[in-house]
Protein backbone atom coordinates (compact mmCIF):
# COMPACT_ATOMS: atom_id res chain seq x y z
CA MET A 1 -0.08 -0.08 0.14
CA SER A 2 1.29 3.48 -0.79
CA LEU A 3 0.18 7.05 -1.03
CA PRO A 4 0.10 8.62 -4.50
CA GLU A 5 1.68 11.85 -5.16
CA LEU A 6 -0.82 13.93 -3.51
CA GLN A 7 -1.73 17.75 -4.62
CA LEU A 8 -1.64 19.09 -1.06
CA SER A 9 0.09 22.32 -1.73
CA ASN A 10 -1.16 23.92 1.26
CA LEU A 11 -0.55 21.15 3.72
CA THR A 12 1.51 22.36 6.80
CA ARG A 13 1.03 19.53 9.12
CA LEU A 14 0.99 15.75 8.43
CA SER A 15 0.64 13.09 11.08
CA ILE A 16 0.38 9.26 10.25
CA PHE A 17 -0.02 6.77 12.97
CA ASP A 18 -0.39 2.89 13.07
CA CYS A 19 -0.21 2.25 9.33
CA GLU A 20 1.67 -0.88 9.25
CA ARG A 21 0.85 -1.92 5.61
CA LEU A 22 1.67 1.72 4.31
CA ALA A 23 4.91 1.18 2.31
CA SER A 24 5.69 4.61 0.78
CA LEU A 25 5.03 8.26 0.86
CA PRO A 26 4.80 10.69 -1.74
CA LYS A 27 7.93 12.73 -2.43
CA LEU A 28 8.20 14.73 0.78
CA SER A 29 10.09 17.67 -0.92
CA ASN A 30 6.99 18.42 -3.05
CA LEU A 31 5.22 19.40 0.39
CA THR A 32 6.48 22.77 0.19
CA LEU A 33 4.74 24.37 3.07
CA LEU A 34 4.86 21.32 5.41
CA LYS A 35 6.35 22.41 8.80
CA ASP A 36 5.40 19.46 11.01
CA LEU A 37 5.72 15.79 10.11
CA VAL A 38 4.97 13.01 12.65
CA ILE A 39 5.40 9.32 11.44
CA ARG A 40 4.82 6.48 14.20
CA SER A 41 4.21 2.83 14.09
CA CYS A 42 4.37 2.56 10.35
CA ARG A 43 6.80 -0.38 10.03
CA GLY A 44 6.67 -0.62 6.12
CA ILE A 45 7.83 3.03 5.48
CA ASP A 46 11.42 3.68 4.45
CA VAL A 47 11.71 7.24 5.01
CA SER A 48 15.13 7.20 3.41
CA ILE A 49 13.86 6.39 0.00
CA HIS A 50 13.81 9.99 -1.25
CA GLY A 51 17.57 10.39 -0.66
CA GLY A 52 17.20 12.90 2.39
CA CYS A 53 15.02 15.27 0.37
CA TRP A 54 12.77 16.75 3.13
CA PRO A 55 10.17 19.44 2.76
CA PRO A 56 12.10 22.68 2.51
CA LYS A 57 10.26 24.33 5.46
CA LEU A 58 10.15 21.48 7.79
CA CYS A 59 10.51 22.81 11.43
CA SER A 60 9.56 19.51 13.41
CA LEU A 61 10.14 15.87 12.75
CA GLU A 62 8.91 13.09 14.95
CA LEU A 63 9.63 9.49 13.89
CA GLU A 64 8.96 5.97 15.49
CA GLY A 65 8.69 2.48 14.53
CA LEU A 66 9.74 2.85 10.80
CA LYS A 67 11.21 0.18 8.45
CA LYS A 68 14.83 1.20 9.19
CA PRO A 69 16.47 2.84 12.10
CA ILE A 70 17.89 6.55 11.31
CA SER A 71 21.51 4.98 11.87
CA GLU A 72 20.96 3.21 8.33
CA TRP A 73 19.55 6.20 6.57
CA GLY A 74 22.90 7.37 5.06
CA ASP A 75 23.07 11.07 4.41
CA LEU A 76 20.16 12.79 6.03
CA ASN A 77 20.19 16.22 4.40
CA PHE A 78 17.75 17.74 6.85
CA PRO A 79 16.66 21.24 5.85
CA THR A 80 18.20 24.23 7.80
CA SER A 81 14.56 25.07 8.97
CA LEU A 82 14.58 21.85 11.16
CA VAL A 83 14.59 23.03 14.85
CA HIS A 84 12.86 20.04 16.57
CA LEU A 85 13.67 16.31 15.90
CA THR A 86 12.24 13.56 17.97
CA LEU A 87 13.30 9.99 17.43
CA TYR A 88 11.62 7.14 19.44
CA GLY A 89 13.06 3.64 19.60
CA GLU A 90 16.23 4.56 18.06
CA PRO A 91 18.49 1.83 19.73
CA HIS A 92 21.96 3.46 18.70
CA PHE A 93 20.76 6.73 20.60
CA GLN A 94 19.08 5.22 23.52
CA GLY A 95 20.56 1.64 24.13
CA ASP A 96 17.22 -0.08 24.25
CA SER A 97 14.74 -0.25 21.03
CA ASN A 98 11.85 -1.10 23.29
CA THR A 99 12.14 2.03 25.45
CA SER A 100 9.38 4.74 25.10
CA HIS A 101 11.58 7.50 25.92
CA PRO A 102 12.49 9.76 22.95
CA PHE A 103 15.95 10.99 21.87
CA ASN A 104 15.40 14.53 21.50
CA ILE A 105 17.50 17.29 19.82
CA TRP A 106 16.35 20.71 20.72
CA PRO A 107 17.23 23.10 19.33
CA PHE A 108 18.55 21.40 16.12
CA SER A 109 19.96 23.03 13.04
CA ALA A 110 21.30 21.48 10.07
CA ALA A 111 23.72 24.16 9.82
CA GLN A 112 25.39 23.07 13.08
CA ARG A 113 26.48 19.70 11.62
């Protein structure tokens, strides 16, 4: 199951929860006004499929329970607008993939890398 290339030019917030069969997302960089993105418990989604092309105005990103951990994504290329990043269940950052405590980066700026 996948989401087609959606025509959501005015979308500023997108939250996707508990979609175990969802396998892909539309090209995220096409969501030019998206500021907040939350994807949780979607084990079929591989967020890294777009080569790190995130929405250009993305300010907040929250991820949990995806196909691959962030440590396997390669070059992340987060936009410089990103100031809040929360990763749940990221074993390389937390030590236990079953923990419910998030790994938070606040504030975060891609320019600080």
